[in-house]
Amino acid sequence: MRTIHAPKTRLQLRYRRHLRVRRKVSGTAARPRLVVYRSLKHIYAQLVNDELGVTLLGVSDLSEGIQADGAAKVGRAKGTGKLLAEKAKAAGITRVVFDRAGYRYHGRVQAVADGAREGGLEF
């Protein structure tokens, strides 16, 4: 017997995982949320203050000044994390909460986190 409201697409399944993660993870002014969005070609990362509902800063692999560690998408993702860490430190942010947004902690998502750690952010 089939349930009526069972998620059917990969997007719906990821959205449910994202909501499950968001129940536990929230960003504050002292410790904003580092959220990652992964499209097929690019990767985006933002720092969000959930108390005020504002985005503090955002970076993507299309941003100026990115130093890719290799030509592949994982290398560009690691460079995105490093650039985000540089901008965050310039804004006075050193500690963040990582939000994987329903994606597996693997590949490009992990590379963003590793790059941010190498750039000096604490998770």
PDB file of N, CA and C in Angstrom:
ATOM      1  N   MET A   1       0.834  -1.175   0.000  1.00  0.00           N
ATOM      2  CA  MET A   1       0.000   0.000   0.000  1.00  0.00           C
ATOM      3  C   MET A   1       0.882   1.242   0.000  1.00  0.00           C
ATOM      4  N   ARG A   2       0.586   2.193  -0.878  1.00  0.00           N
ATOM      5  CA  ARG A   2       1.397   3.382  -1.078  1.00  0.00           C
ATOM      6  C   ARG A   2       0.891   4.521  -0.201  1.00  0.00           C
ATOM      7  N   THR A   3       1.834   5.218   0.454  1.00  0.00           N
ATOM      8  CA  THR A   3       1.426   6.386   1.222  1.00  0.00           C
ATOM      9  C   THR A   3       1.141   7.543   0.274  1.00  0.00           C
ATOM     10  N   ILE A   4       0.238   8.393   0.656  1.00  0.00           N
ATOM     11  CA  ILE A   4      -0.220   9.454  -0.236  1.00  0.00           C
ATOM     12  C   ILE A   4       0.828  10.536  -0.421  1.00  0.00           C
ATOM     13  N   HIS A   5       1.477  10.939   0.656  1.00  0.00           N
ATOM     14  CA  HIS A   5       2.380  12.089   0.597  1.00  0.00           C
ATOM     15  C   HIS A   5       3.851  11.691   0.621  1.00  0.00           C
ATOM     16  N   ALA A   6       4.165  10.528   0.107  1.00  0.00           N
ATOM     17  CA  ALA A   6       5.560  10.105   0.071  1.00  0.00           C
ATOM     18  C   ALA A   6       6.322  10.946  -0.958  1.00  0.00           C
ATOM     19  N   PRO A   7       7.537  11.422  -0.616  1.00  0.00           N
ATOM     20  CA  PRO A   7       8.312  12.207  -1.579  1.00  0.00           C
ATOM     21  C   PRO A   7       8.709  11.343  -2.767  1.00  0.00           C
ATOM     22  N   LYS A   8       8.667  11.936  -3.934  1.00  0.00           N
ATOM     23  CA  LYS A   8       8.885  11.157  -5.142  1.00  0.00           C
ATOM     24  C   LYS A   8      10.172  11.516  -5.876  1.00  0.00           C
ATOM     25  N   THR A   9      10.584  12.765  -5.848  1.00  0.00           N
ATOM     26  CA  THR A   9      11.756  13.162  -6.614  1.00  0.00           C
ATOM     27  C   THR A   9      12.961  13.331  -5.689  1.00  0.00           C
ATOM     28  N   ARG A  10      14.139  13.384  -6.317  1.00  0.00           N
ATOM     29  CA  ARG A  10      15.365  13.601  -5.544  1.00  0.00           C
ATOM     30  C   ARG A  10      15.351  14.971  -4.881  1.00  0.00           C
ATOM     31  N   LEU A  11      14.772  15.955  -5.569  1.00  0.00           N
ATOM     32  CA  LEU A  11      14.684  17.303  -5.014  1.00  0.00           C
ATOM     33  C   LEU A  11      13.817  17.330  -3.763  1.00  0.00           C
ATOM     34  N   GLN A  12      12.699  16.608  -3.789  1.00  0.00           N
ATOM     35  CA  GLN A  12      11.836  16.549  -2.611  1.00  0.00           C
ATOM     36  C   GLN A  12      12.524  15.828  -1.461  1.00  0.00           C
ATOM     37  N   LEU A  13      13.266  14.772  -1.751  1.00  0.00           N
ATOM     38  CA  LEU A  13      13.999  14.053  -0.705  1.00  0.00           C
ATOM     39  C   LEU A  13      15.074  14.939  -0.092  1.00  0.00           C
ATOM     40  N   ARG A  14      15.819  15.686  -0.926  1.00  0.00           N
ATOM     41  CA  ARG A  14      16.843  16.591  -0.400  1.00  0.00           C
ATOM     42  C   ARG A  14      16.218  17.678   0.444  1.00  0.00           C
ATOM     43  N   TYR A  15      15.057  18.198   0.018  1.00  0.00           N
ATOM     44  CA  TYR A  15      14.379  19.243   0.774  1.00  0.00           C
ATOM     45  C   TYR A  15      13.960  18.732   2.147  1.00  0.00           C
ATOM     46  N   ARG A  16      13.503  17.502   2.245  1.00  0.00           N
ATOM     47  CA  ARG A  16      13.140  16.935   3.553  1.00  0.00           C
ATOM     48  C   ARG A  16      14.363  16.772   4.443  1.00  0.00           C
ATOM     49  N   ARG A  17      15.484  16.330   3.849  1.00  0.00           N
ATOM     50  CA  ARG A  17      16.722  16.227   4.636  1.00  0.00           C
ATOM     51  C   ARG A  17      17.167  17.600   5.101  1.00  0.00           C
ATOM     52  N   HIS A  18      17.013  18.605   4.228  1.00  0.00           N
ATOM     53  CA  HIS A  18      17.388  19.967   4.584  1.00  0.00           C
ATOM     54  C   HIS A  18      16.556  20.467   5.766  1.00  0.00           C
ATOM     55  N   LEU A  19      15.270  20.218   5.762  1.00  0.00           N
ATOM     56  CA  LEU A  19      14.420  20.624   6.886  1.00  0.00           C
ATOM     57  C   LEU A  19      14.821  19.905   8.165  1.00  0.00           C
ATOM     58  N   ARG A  20      15.214  18.643   8.044  1.00  0.00           N
ATOM     59  CA  ARG A  20      15.633  17.881   9.219  1.00  0.00           C
ATOM     60  C   ARG A  20      16.916  18.469   9.806  1.00  0.00           C
ATOM     61  N   VAL A  21      17.843  18.874   8.935  1.00  0.00           N
ATOM     62  CA  VAL A  21      19.089  19.499   9.404  1.00  0.00           C
ATOM     63  C   VAL A  21      18.778  20.857  10.030  1.00  0.00           C
ATOM     64  N   ARG A  22      17.879  21.627   9.399  1.00  0.00           N
ATOM     65  CA  ARG A  22      17.578  22.985   9.863  1.00  0.00           C
ATOM     66  C   ARG A  22      16.865  23.013  11.206  1.00  0.00           C
ATOM     67  N   ARG A  23      16.226  21.914  11.600  1.00  0.00           N
ATOM     68  CA  ARG A  23      15.618  21.861  12.933  1.00  0.00           C
ATOM     69  C   ARG A  23      16.673  21.985  14.025  1.00  0.00           C
ATOM     70  N   LYS A  24      17.874  21.499  13.735  1.00  0.00           N
ATOM     71  CA  LYS A  24      18.939  21.481  14.739  1.00  0.00           C
ATOM     72  C   LYS A  24      19.936  22.620  14.570  1.00  0.00           C
ATOM     73  N   VAL A  25      20.083  23.149  13.348  1.00  0.00           N
ATOM     74  CA  VAL A  25      21.122  24.122  13.051  1.00  0.00           C
ATOM     75  C   VAL A  25      20.499  25.493  12.850  1.00  0.00           C
ATOM     76  N   SER A  26      21.024  26.486  13.585  1.00  0.00           N
ATOM     77  CA  SER A  26      20.549  27.858  13.440  1.00  0.00           C
ATOM     78  C   SER A  26      21.728  28.802  13.626  1.00  0.00           C
ATOM     79  N   GLY A  27      21.739  29.882  12.854  1.00  0.00           N
ATOM     80  CA  GLY A  27      22.835  30.841  12.921  1.00  0.00           C
ATOM     81  C   GLY A  27      22.480  32.037  13.778  1.00  0.00           C
ATOM     82  N   THR A  28      23.460  32.561  14.485  1.00  0.00           N
ATOM     83  CA  THR A  28      23.291  33.751  15.309  1.00  0.00           C
ATOM     84  C   THR A  28      24.269  34.815  14.836  1.00  0.00           C
ATOM     85  N   ALA A  29      24.230  35.974  15.480  1.00  0.00           N
ATOM     86  CA  ALA A  29      25.161  37.039  15.122  1.00  0.00           C
ATOM     87  C   ALA A  29      26.595  36.644  15.492  1.00  0.00           C
ATOM     88  N   ALA A  30      26.752  35.971  16.639  1.00  0.00           N
ATOM     89  CA  ALA A  30      28.085  35.564  17.072  1.00  0.00           C
ATOM     90  C   ALA A  30      28.591  34.356  16.291  1.00  0.00           C
ATOM     91  N   ARG A  31      27.671  33.492  15.861  1.00  0.00           N
ATOM     92  CA  ARG A  31      28.047  32.270  15.155  1.00  0.00           C
ATOM     93  C   ARG A  31      27.067  32.024  14.006  1.00  0.00           C
ATOM     94  N   PRO A  32      27.289  32.656  12.847  1.00  0.00           N
ATOM     95  CA  PRO A  32      26.352  32.514  11.736  1.00  0.00           C
ATOM     96  C   PRO A  32      26.398  31.114  11.110  1.00  0.00           C
ATOM     97  N   ARG A  33      25.399  30.841  10.317  1.00  0.00           N
ATOM     98  CA  ARG A  33      25.261  29.549   9.643  1.00  0.00           C
ATOM     99  C   ARG A  33      25.918  29.631   8.271  1.00  0.00           C
ATOM    100  N   LEU A  34      26.830  28.706   8.000  1.00  0.00           N
ATOM    101  CA  LEU A  34      27.470  28.616   6.694  1.00  0.00           C
ATOM    102  C   LEU A  34      26.662  27.604   5.881  1.00  0.00           C
ATOM    103  N   VAL A  35      25.879  28.096   4.938  1.00  0.00           N
ATOM    104  CA  VAL A  35      25.009  27.228   4.146  1.00  0.00           C
ATOM    105  C   VAL A  35      25.590  27.079   2.740  1.00  0.00           C
ATOM    106  N   VAL A  36      25.520  25.859   2.204  1.00  0.00           N
ATOM    107  CA  VAL A  36      26.093  25.517   0.910  1.00  0.00           C
ATOM    108  C   VAL A  36      24.961  25.157  -0.044  1.00  0.00           C
ATOM    109  N   TYR A  37      25.028  25.687  -1.270  1.00  0.00           N
ATOM    110  CA  TYR A  37      24.119  25.262  -2.326  1.00  0.00           C
ATOM    111  C   TYR A  37      24.960  24.732  -3.473  1.00  0.00           C
ATOM    112  N   ARG A  38      24.588  23.574  -3.967  1.00  0.00           N
ATOM    113  CA  ARG A  38      25.359  22.901  -4.997  1.00  0.00           C
ATOM    114  C   ARG A  38      24.490  22.711  -6.237  1.00  0.00           C
ATOM    115  N   SER A  39      24.830  23.405  -7.321  1.00  0.00           N
ATOM    116  CA  SER A  39      24.141  23.159  -8.580  1.00  0.00           C
ATOM    117  C   SER A  39      24.980  22.168  -9.382  1.00  0.00           C
ATOM    118  N   LEU A  40      24.546  21.854 -10.581  1.00  0.00           N
ATOM    119  CA  LEU A  40      25.303  20.888 -11.371  1.00  0.00           C
ATOM    120  C   LEU A  40      26.664  21.422 -11.794  1.00  0.00           C
ATOM    121  N   LYS A  41      26.760  22.729 -12.061  1.00  0.00           N
ATOM    122  CA  LYS A  41      28.017  23.300 -12.547  1.00  0.00           C
ATOM    123  C   LYS A  41      28.776  24.083 -11.489  1.00  0.00           C
ATOM    124  N   HIS A  42      28.076  24.714 -10.541  1.00  0.00           N
ATOM    125  CA  HIS A  42      28.719  25.647  -9.630  1.00  0.00           C
ATOM    126  C   HIS A  42      28.383  25.323  -8.181  1.00  0.00           C
ATOM    127  N   ILE A  43      29.078  26.011  -7.269  1.00  0.00           N
ATOM    128  CA  ILE A  43      28.813  25.869  -5.848  1.00  0.00           C
ATOM    129  C   ILE A  43      28.775  27.255  -5.222  1.00  0.00           C
ATOM    130  N   TYR A  44      27.872  27.441  -4.286  1.00  0.00           N
ATOM    131  CA  TYR A  44      27.650  28.728  -3.641  1.00  0.00           C
ATOM    132  C   TYR A  44      27.680  28.516  -2.126  1.00  0.00           C
ATOM    133  N   ALA A  45      28.207  29.502  -1.398  1.00  0.00           N
ATOM    134  CA  ALA A  45      28.251  29.439   0.065  1.00  0.00           C
ATOM    135  C   ALA A  45      27.896  30.809   0.622  1.00  0.00           C
ATOM    136  N   GLN A  46      27.117  30.807   1.708  1.00  0.00           N
ATOM    137  CA  GLN A  46      26.692  32.057   2.344  1.00  0.00           C
ATOM    138  C   GLN A  46      26.825  31.939   3.849  1.00  0.00           C
ATOM    139  N   LEU A  47      26.988  33.085   4.492  1.00  0.00           N
ATOM    140  CA  LEU A  47      26.895  33.171   5.942  1.00  0.00           C
ATOM    141  C   LEU A  47      25.587  33.869   6.267  1.00  0.00           C
ATOM    142  N   VAL A  48      24.741  33.228   7.093  1.00  0.00           N
ATOM    143  CA  VAL A  48      23.400  33.718   7.360  1.00  0.00           C
ATOM    144  C   VAL A  48      23.204  33.885   8.863  1.00  0.00           C
ATOM    145  N   ASN A  49      22.616  35.024   9.241  1.00  0.00           N
ATOM    146  CA  ASN A  49      22.182  35.268  10.611  1.00  0.00           C
ATOM    147  C   ASN A  49      20.676  34.994  10.649  1.00  0.00           C
ATOM    148  N   ASP A  50      20.278  33.882  11.257  1.00  0.00           N
ATOM    149  CA  ASP A  50      18.872  33.487  11.273  1.00  0.00           C
ATOM    150  C   ASP A  50      18.038  34.287  12.259  1.00  0.00           C
ATOM    151  N   GLU A  51      18.670  34.878  13.263  1.00  0.00           N
ATOM    152  CA  GLU A  51      17.911  35.700  14.217  1.00  0.00           C
ATOM    153  C   GLU A  51      17.311  36.921  13.528  1.00  0.00           C
ATOM    154  N   LEU A  52      18.098  37.550  12.645  1.00  0.00           N
ATOM    155  CA  LEU A  52      17.626  38.726  11.914  1.00  0.00           C
ATOM    156  C   LEU A  52      17.089  38.376  10.533  1.00  0.00           C
ATOM    157  N   GLY A  53      17.389  37.170  10.059  1.00  0.00           N
ATOM    158  CA  GLY A  53      16.943  36.756   8.741  1.00  0.00           C
ATOM    159  C   GLY A  53      17.694  37.446   7.621  1.00  0.00           C
ATOM    160  N   VAL A  54      19.001  37.668   7.803  1.00  0.00           N
ATOM    161  CA  VAL A  54      19.797  38.358   6.794  1.00  0.00           C
ATOM    162  C   VAL A  54      21.005  37.511   6.399  1.00  0.00           C
ATOM    163  N   THR A  55      21.438  37.704   5.151  1.00  0.00           N
ATOM    164  CA  THR A  55      22.659  37.086   4.658  1.00  0.00           C
ATOM    165  C   THR A  55      23.807  38.058   4.893  1.00  0.00           C
ATOM    166  N   LEU A  56      24.821  37.621   5.627  1.00  0.00           N
ATOM    167  CA  LEU A  56      25.942  38.490   5.961  1.00  0.00           C
ATOM    168  C   LEU A  56      26.903  38.632   4.785  1.00  0.00           C
ATOM    169  N   LEU A  57      27.237  37.524   4.134  1.00  0.00           N
ATOM    170  CA  LEU A  57      28.064  37.574   2.936  1.00  0.00           C
ATOM    171  C   LEU A  57      27.906  36.278   2.164  1.00  0.00           C
ATOM    172  N   GLY A  58      28.180  36.341   0.882  1.00  0.00           N
ATOM    173  CA  GLY A  58      28.043  35.173   0.032  1.00  0.00           C
ATOM    174  C   GLY A  58      29.173  35.101  -0.973  1.00  0.00           C
ATOM    175  N   VAL A  59      29.537  33.881  -1.345  1.00  0.00           N
ATOM    176  CA  VAL A  59      30.636  33.630  -2.265  1.00  0.00           C
ATOM    177  C   VAL A  59      30.230  32.462  -3.165  1.00  0.00           C
ATOM    178  N   SER A  60      30.699  32.476  -4.394  1.00  0.00           N
ATOM    179  CA  SER A  60      30.514  31.317  -5.263  1.00  0.00           C
ATOM    180  C   SER A  60      31.818  31.038  -5.999  1.00  0.00           C
ATOM    181  N   ASP A  61      31.830  29.954  -6.755  1.00  0.00           N
ATOM    182  CA  ASP A  61      33.040  29.666  -7.521  1.00  0.00           C
ATOM    183  C   ASP A  61      33.164  30.579  -8.738  1.00  0.00           C
ATOM    184  N   LEU A  62      32.190  31.452  -8.948  1.00  0.00           N
ATOM    185  CA  LEU A  62      32.262  32.459 -10.007  1.00  0.00           C
ATOM    186  C   LEU A  62      32.801  33.792  -9.491  1.00  0.00           C
ATOM    187  N   SER A  63      33.023  33.911  -8.187  1.00  0.00           N
ATOM    188  CA  SER A  63      33.452  35.170  -7.572  1.00  0.00           C
ATOM    189  C   SER A  63      34.858  35.549  -7.993  1.00  0.00           C
ATOM    190  N   GLU A  64      35.126  36.858  -7.907  1.00  0.00           N
ATOM    191  CA  GLU A  64      36.459  37.373  -8.208  1.00  0.00           C
ATOM    192  C   GLU A  64      37.425  36.979  -7.095  1.00  0.00           C
ATOM    193  N   GLY A  65      38.657  36.668  -7.462  1.00  0.00           N
ATOM    194  CA  GLY A  65      39.702  36.400  -6.486  1.00  0.00           C
ATOM    195  C   GLY A  65      39.731  34.986  -5.960  1.00  0.00           C
ATOM    196  N   ILE A  66      39.069  34.062  -6.628  1.00  0.00           N
ATOM    197  CA  ILE A  66      39.061  32.679  -6.138  1.00  0.00           C
ATOM    198  C   ILE A  66      40.337  31.974  -6.594  1.00  0.00           C
ATOM    199  N   GLN A  67      40.955  31.234  -5.696  1.00  0.00           N
ATOM    200  CA  GLN A  67      42.161  30.467  -5.980  1.00  0.00           C
ATOM    201  C   GLN A  67      41.779  28.992  -5.978  1.00  0.00           C
ATOM    202  N   ALA A  68      41.567  28.407  -7.149  1.00  0.00           N
ATOM    203  CA  ALA A  68      41.143  27.018  -7.263  1.00  0.00           C
ATOM    204  C   ALA A  68      42.321  26.088  -7.004  1.00  0.00           C
ATOM    205  N   ASP A  69      42.081  25.060  -6.203  1.00  0.00           N
ATOM    206  CA  ASP A  69      43.081  24.025  -5.963  1.00  0.00           C
ATOM    207  C   ASP A  69      42.859  22.907  -6.981  1.00  0.00           C
ATOM    208  N   GLY A  70      43.176  23.158  -8.234  1.00  0.00           N
ATOM    209  CA  GLY A  70      42.930  22.192  -9.298  1.00  0.00           C
ATOM    210  C   GLY A  70      41.863  22.719 -10.244  1.00  0.00           C
ATOM    211  N   ALA A  71      41.702  22.047 -11.358  1.00  0.00           N
ATOM    212  CA  ALA A  71      40.779  22.521 -12.388  1.00  0.00           C
ATOM    213  C   ALA A  71      39.377  21.957 -12.224  1.00  0.00           C
ATOM    214  N   ALA A  72      39.234  20.923 -11.436  1.00  0.00           N
ATOM    215  CA  ALA A  72      37.938  20.257 -11.313  1.00  0.00           C
ATOM    216  C   ALA A  72      37.018  21.018 -10.358  1.00  0.00           C
ATOM    217  N   LYS A  73      35.776  20.567 -10.280  1.00  0.00           N
ATOM    218  CA  LYS A  73      34.774  21.237  -9.462  1.00  0.00           C
ATOM    219  C   LYS A  73      35.114  21.165  -7.973  1.00  0.00           C
ATOM    220  N   VAL A  74      35.744  20.080  -7.542  1.00  0.00           N
ATOM    221  CA  VAL A  74      36.111  19.953  -6.127  1.00  0.00           C
ATOM    222  C   VAL A  74      37.182  20.980  -5.770  1.00  0.00           C
ATOM    223  N   GLY A  75      38.123  21.213  -6.664  1.00  0.00           N
ATOM    224  CA  GLY A  75      39.161  22.219  -6.432  1.00  0.00           C
ATOM    225  C   GLY A  75      38.583  23.622  -6.347  1.00  0.00           C
ATOM    226  N   ARG A  76      37.629  23.931  -7.231  1.00  0.00           N
ATOM    227  CA  ARG A  76      36.976  25.241  -7.179  1.00  0.00           C
ATOM    228  C   ARG A  76      36.152  25.379  -5.904  1.00  0.00           C
ATOM    229  N   ALA A  77      35.558  24.283  -5.426  1.00  0.00           N
ATOM    230  CA  ALA A  77      34.776  24.328  -4.192  1.00  0.00           C
ATOM    231  C   ALA A  77      35.681  24.615  -2.997  1.00  0.00           C
ATOM    232  N   LYS A  78      36.861  24.032  -2.984  1.00  0.00           N
ATOM    233  CA  LYS A  78      37.794  24.292  -1.883  1.00  0.00           C
ATOM    234  C   LYS A  78      38.256  25.744  -1.904  1.00  0.00           C
ATOM    235  N   GLY A  79      38.503  26.281  -3.093  1.00  0.00           N
ATOM    236  CA  GLY A  79      38.851  27.689  -3.221  1.00  0.00           C
ATOM    237  C   GLY A  79      37.720  28.600  -2.774  1.00  0.00           C
ATOM    238  N   THR A  80      36.481  28.180  -3.014  1.00  0.00           N
ATOM    239  CA  THR A  80      35.314  28.946  -2.558  1.00  0.00           C
ATOM    240  C   THR A  80      35.284  29.013  -1.038  1.00  0.00           C
ATOM    241  N   GLY A  81      35.576  27.895  -0.378  1.00  0.00           N
ATOM    242  CA  GLY A  81      35.614  27.879   1.085  1.00  0.00           C
ATOM    243  C   GLY A  81      36.703  28.782   1.640  1.00  0.00           C
ATOM    244  N   LYS A  82      37.868  28.790   0.982  1.00  0.00           N
ATOM    245  CA  LYS A  82      38.967  29.643   1.441  1.00  0.00           C
ATOM    246  C   LYS A  82      38.628  31.125   1.266  1.00  0.00           C
ATOM    247  N   LEU A  83      38.006  31.465   0.134  1.00  0.00           N
ATOM    248  CA  LEU A  83      37.624  32.855  -0.106  1.00  0.00           C
ATOM    249  C   LEU A  83      36.558  33.300   0.893  1.00  0.00           C
ATOM    250  N   LEU A  84      35.621  32.420   1.207  1.00  0.00           N
ATOM    251  CA  LEU A  84      34.596  32.741   2.202  1.00  0.00           C
ATOM    252  C   LEU A  84      35.236  32.991   3.563  1.00  0.00           C
ATOM    253  N   ALA A  85      36.219  32.180   3.923  1.00  0.00           N
ATOM    254  CA  ALA A  85      36.901  32.354   5.205  1.00  0.00           C
ATOM    255  C   ALA A  85      37.643  33.682   5.257  1.00  0.00           C
ATOM    256  N   GLU A  86      38.277  34.076   4.153  1.00  0.00           N
ATOM    257  CA  GLU A  86      38.978  35.362   4.122  1.00  0.00           C
ATOM    258  C   GLU A  86      38.012  36.519   4.323  1.00  0.00           C
ATOM    259  N   LYS A  87      36.884  36.485   3.601  1.00  0.00           N
ATOM    260  CA  LYS A  87      35.902  37.558   3.724  1.00  0.00           C
ATOM    261  C   LYS A  87      35.271  37.574   5.110  1.00  0.00           C
ATOM    262  N   ALA A  88      35.054  36.400   5.686  1.00  0.00           N
ATOM    263  CA  ALA A  88      34.462  36.329   7.026  1.00  0.00           C
ATOM    264  C   ALA A  88      35.420  36.895   8.071  1.00  0.00           C
ATOM    265  N   LYS A  89      36.703  36.572   7.958  1.00  0.00           N
ATOM    266  CA  LYS A  89      37.671  37.104   8.903  1.00  0.00           C
ATOM    267  C   LYS A  89      37.789  38.614   8.786  1.00  0.00           C
ATOM    268  N   ALA A  90      37.676  39.138   7.565  1.00  0.00           N
ATOM    269  CA  ALA A  90      37.703  40.586   7.374  1.00  0.00           C
ATOM    270  C   ALA A  90      36.475  41.243   8.010  1.00  0.00           C
ATOM    271  N   ALA A  91      35.362  40.513   8.051  1.00  0.00           N
ATOM    272  CA  ALA A  91      34.138  41.026   8.672  1.00  0.00           C
ATOM    273  C   ALA A  91      34.097  40.756  10.170  1.00  0.00           C
ATOM    274  N   GLY A  92      35.120  40.096  10.714  1.00  0.00           N
ATOM    275  CA  GLY A  92      35.186  39.845  12.149  1.00  0.00           C
ATOM    276  C   GLY A  92      34.491  38.566  12.589  1.00  0.00           C
ATOM    277  N   ILE A  93      34.270  37.632  11.684  1.00  0.00           N
ATOM    278  CA  ILE A  93      33.604  36.363  12.011  1.00  0.00           C
ATOM    279  C   ILE A  93      34.658  35.267  12.016  1.00  0.00           C
ATOM    280  N   THR A  94      34.739  34.526  13.120  1.00  0.00           N
ATOM    281  CA  THR A  94      35.709  33.443  13.207  1.00  0.00           C
ATOM    282  C   THR A  94      35.056  32.090  13.450  1.00  0.00           C
ATOM    283  N   ARG A  95      33.836  32.071  14.002  1.00  0.00           N
ATOM    284  CA  ARG A  95      33.162  30.810  14.318  1.00  0.00           C
ATOM    285  C   ARG A  95      31.852  30.728  13.543  1.00  0.00           C
ATOM    286  N   VAL A  96      31.583  29.561  12.948  1.00  0.00           N
ATOM    287  CA  VAL A  96      30.365  29.353  12.175  1.00  0.00           C
ATOM    288  C   VAL A  96      29.768  27.994  12.505  1.00  0.00           C
ATOM    289  N   VAL A  97      28.522  27.801  12.080  1.00  0.00           N
ATOM    290  CA  VAL A  97      27.844  26.513  12.150  1.00  0.00           C
ATOM    291  C   VAL A  97      27.650  26.051  10.710  1.00  0.00           C
ATOM    292  N   PHE A  98      28.036  24.837  10.388  1.00  0.00           N
ATOM    293  CA  PHE A  98      27.967  24.357   9.005  1.00  0.00           C
ATOM    294  C   PHE A  98      26.605  23.730   8.730  1.00  0.00           C
ATOM    295  N   ASP A  99      25.984  24.170   7.636  1.00  0.00           N
ATOM    296  CA  ASP A  99      24.697  23.640   7.190  1.00  0.00           C
ATOM    297  C   ASP A  99      24.904  23.015   5.822  1.00  0.00           C
ATOM    298  N   ARG A 100      24.816  21.704   5.750  1.00  0.00           N
ATOM    299  CA  ARG A 100      25.066  21.006   4.493  1.00  0.00           C
ATOM    300  C   ARG A 100      23.852  21.017   3.579  1.00  0.00           C
ATOM    301  N   ALA A 101      22.723  21.535   4.034  1.00  0.00           N
ATOM    302  CA  ALA A 101      21.518  21.770   3.227  1.00  0.00           C
ATOM    303  C   ALA A 101      20.959  20.509   2.592  1.00  0.00           C
ATOM    304  N   GLY A 102      21.041  19.392   3.289  1.00  0.00           N
ATOM    305  CA  GLY A 102      20.468  18.154   2.773  1.00  0.00           C
ATOM    306  C   GLY A 102      21.379  17.366   1.874  1.00  0.00           C
ATOM    307  N   TYR A 103      22.553  17.926   1.528  1.00  0.00           N
ATOM    308  CA  TYR A 103      23.511  17.194   0.710  1.00  0.00           C
ATOM    309  C   TYR A 103      24.348  16.288   1.594  1.00  0.00           C
ATOM    310  N   ARG A 104      24.905  15.229   1.006  1.00  0.00           N
ATOM    311  CA  ARG A 104      25.816  14.382   1.762  1.00  0.00           C
ATOM    312  C   ARG A 104      27.103  15.155   2.029  1.00  0.00           C
ATOM    313  N   TYR A 105      27.727  14.920   3.174  1.00  0.00           N
ATOM    314  CA  TYR A 105      29.004  15.564   3.496  1.00  0.00           C
ATOM    315  C   TYR A 105      30.092  14.796   2.752  1.00  0.00           C
ATOM    316  N   HIS A 106      30.226  15.140   1.453  1.00  0.00           N
ATOM    317  CA  HIS A 106      31.067  14.363   0.573  1.00  0.00           C
ATOM    318  C   HIS A 106      31.362  15.210  -0.658  1.00  0.00           C
ATOM    319  N   GLY A 107      32.541  15.077  -1.231  1.00  0.00           N
ATOM    320  CA  GLY A 107      32.843  15.747  -2.482  1.00  0.00           C
ATOM    321  C   GLY A 107      32.941  17.254  -2.347  1.00  0.00           C
ATOM    322  N   ARG A 108      32.140  17.980  -3.136  1.00  0.00           N
ATOM    323  CA  ARG A 108      32.221  19.440  -3.175  1.00  0.00           C
ATOM    324  C   ARG A 108      31.781  20.084  -1.869  1.00  0.00           C
ATOM    325  N   VAL A 109      30.782  19.512  -1.207  1.00  0.00           N
ATOM    326  CA  VAL A 109      30.311  20.069   0.060  1.00  0.00           C
ATOM    327  C   VAL A 109      31.403  19.946   1.118  1.00  0.00           C
ATOM    328  N   GLN A 110      32.057  18.810   1.153  1.00  0.00           N
ATOM    329  CA  GLN A 110      33.166  18.607   2.085  1.00  0.00           C
ATOM    330  C   GLN A 110      34.338  19.518   1.733  1.00  0.00           C
ATOM    331  N   ALA A 111      34.568  19.759   0.441  1.00  0.00           N
ATOM    332  CA  ALA A 111      35.672  20.614   0.017  1.00  0.00           C
ATOM    333  C   ALA A 111      35.452  22.052   0.462  1.00  0.00           C
ATOM    334  N   VAL A 112      34.219  22.539   0.404  1.00  0.00           N
ATOM    335  CA  VAL A 112      33.925  23.889   0.900  1.00  0.00           C
ATOM    336  C   VAL A 112      34.238  23.970   2.390  1.00  0.00           C
ATOM    337  N   ALA A 113      33.810  22.967   3.147  1.00  0.00           N
ATOM    338  CA  ALA A 113      34.069  22.959   4.590  1.00  0.00           C
ATOM    339  C   ALA A 113      35.560  22.899   4.880  1.00  0.00           C
ATOM    340  N   ASP A 114      36.292  22.061   4.161  1.00  0.00           N
ATOM    341  CA  ASP A 114      37.737  21.956   4.374  1.00  0.00           C
ATOM    342  C   ASP A 114      38.442  23.259   4.021  1.00  0.00           C
ATOM    343  N   GLY A 115      38.034  23.900   2.929  1.00  0.00           N
ATOM    344  CA  GLY A 115      38.629  25.171   2.545  1.00  0.00           C
ATOM    345  C   GLY A 115      38.361  26.263   3.563  1.00  0.00           C
ATOM    346  N   ALA A 116      37.161  26.269   4.129  1.00  0.00           N
ATOM    347  CA  ALA A 116      36.830  27.261   5.154  1.00  0.00           C
ATOM    348  C   ALA A 116      37.645  27.023   6.420  1.00  0.00           C
ATOM    349  N   ARG A 117      37.849  25.751   6.761  1.00  0.00           N
ATOM    350  CA  ARG A 117      38.679  25.443   7.941  1.00  0.00           C
ATOM    351  C   ARG A 117      40.119  25.873   7.709  1.00  0.00           C
ATOM    352  N   GLU A 118      40.634  25.597   6.495  1.00  0.00           N
ATOM    353  CA  GLU A 118      42.002  26.005   6.190  1.00  0.00           C
ATOM    354  C   GLU A 118      42.146  27.527   6.188  1.00  0.00           C
ATOM    355  N   GLY A 119      41.081  28.215   5.830  1.00  0.00           N
ATOM    356  CA  GLY A 119      41.096  29.673   5.840  1.00  0.00           C
ATOM    357  C   GLY A 119      41.016  30.260   7.225  1.00  0.00           C
ATOM    358  N   GLY A 120      40.712  29.440   8.240  1.00  0.00           N
ATOM    359  CA  GLY A 120      40.729  29.922   9.620  1.00  0.00           C
ATOM    360  C   GLY A 120      39.383  29.977  10.316  1.00  0.00           C
ATOM    361  N   LEU A 121      38.331  29.459   9.705  1.00  0.00           N
ATOM    362  CA  LEU A 121      37.027  29.435  10.390  1.00  0.00           C
ATOM    363  C   LEU A 121      36.940  28.219  11.301  1.00  0.00           C
ATOM    364  N   GLU A 122      36.301  28.421  12.445  1.00  0.00           N
ATOM    365  CA  GLU A 122      36.071  27.318  13.390  1.00  0.00           C
ATOM    366  C   GLU A 122      34.649  26.811  13.215  1.00  0.00           C
ATOM    367  N   PHE A 123      34.496  25.479  13.164  1.00  0.00           N
ATOM    368  CA  PHE A 123      33.171  24.873  13.051  1.00  0.00           C
ATOM    369  C   PHE A 123      32.758  24.333  14.398  1.00  0.00           C
TER     370      PHE A 123
END
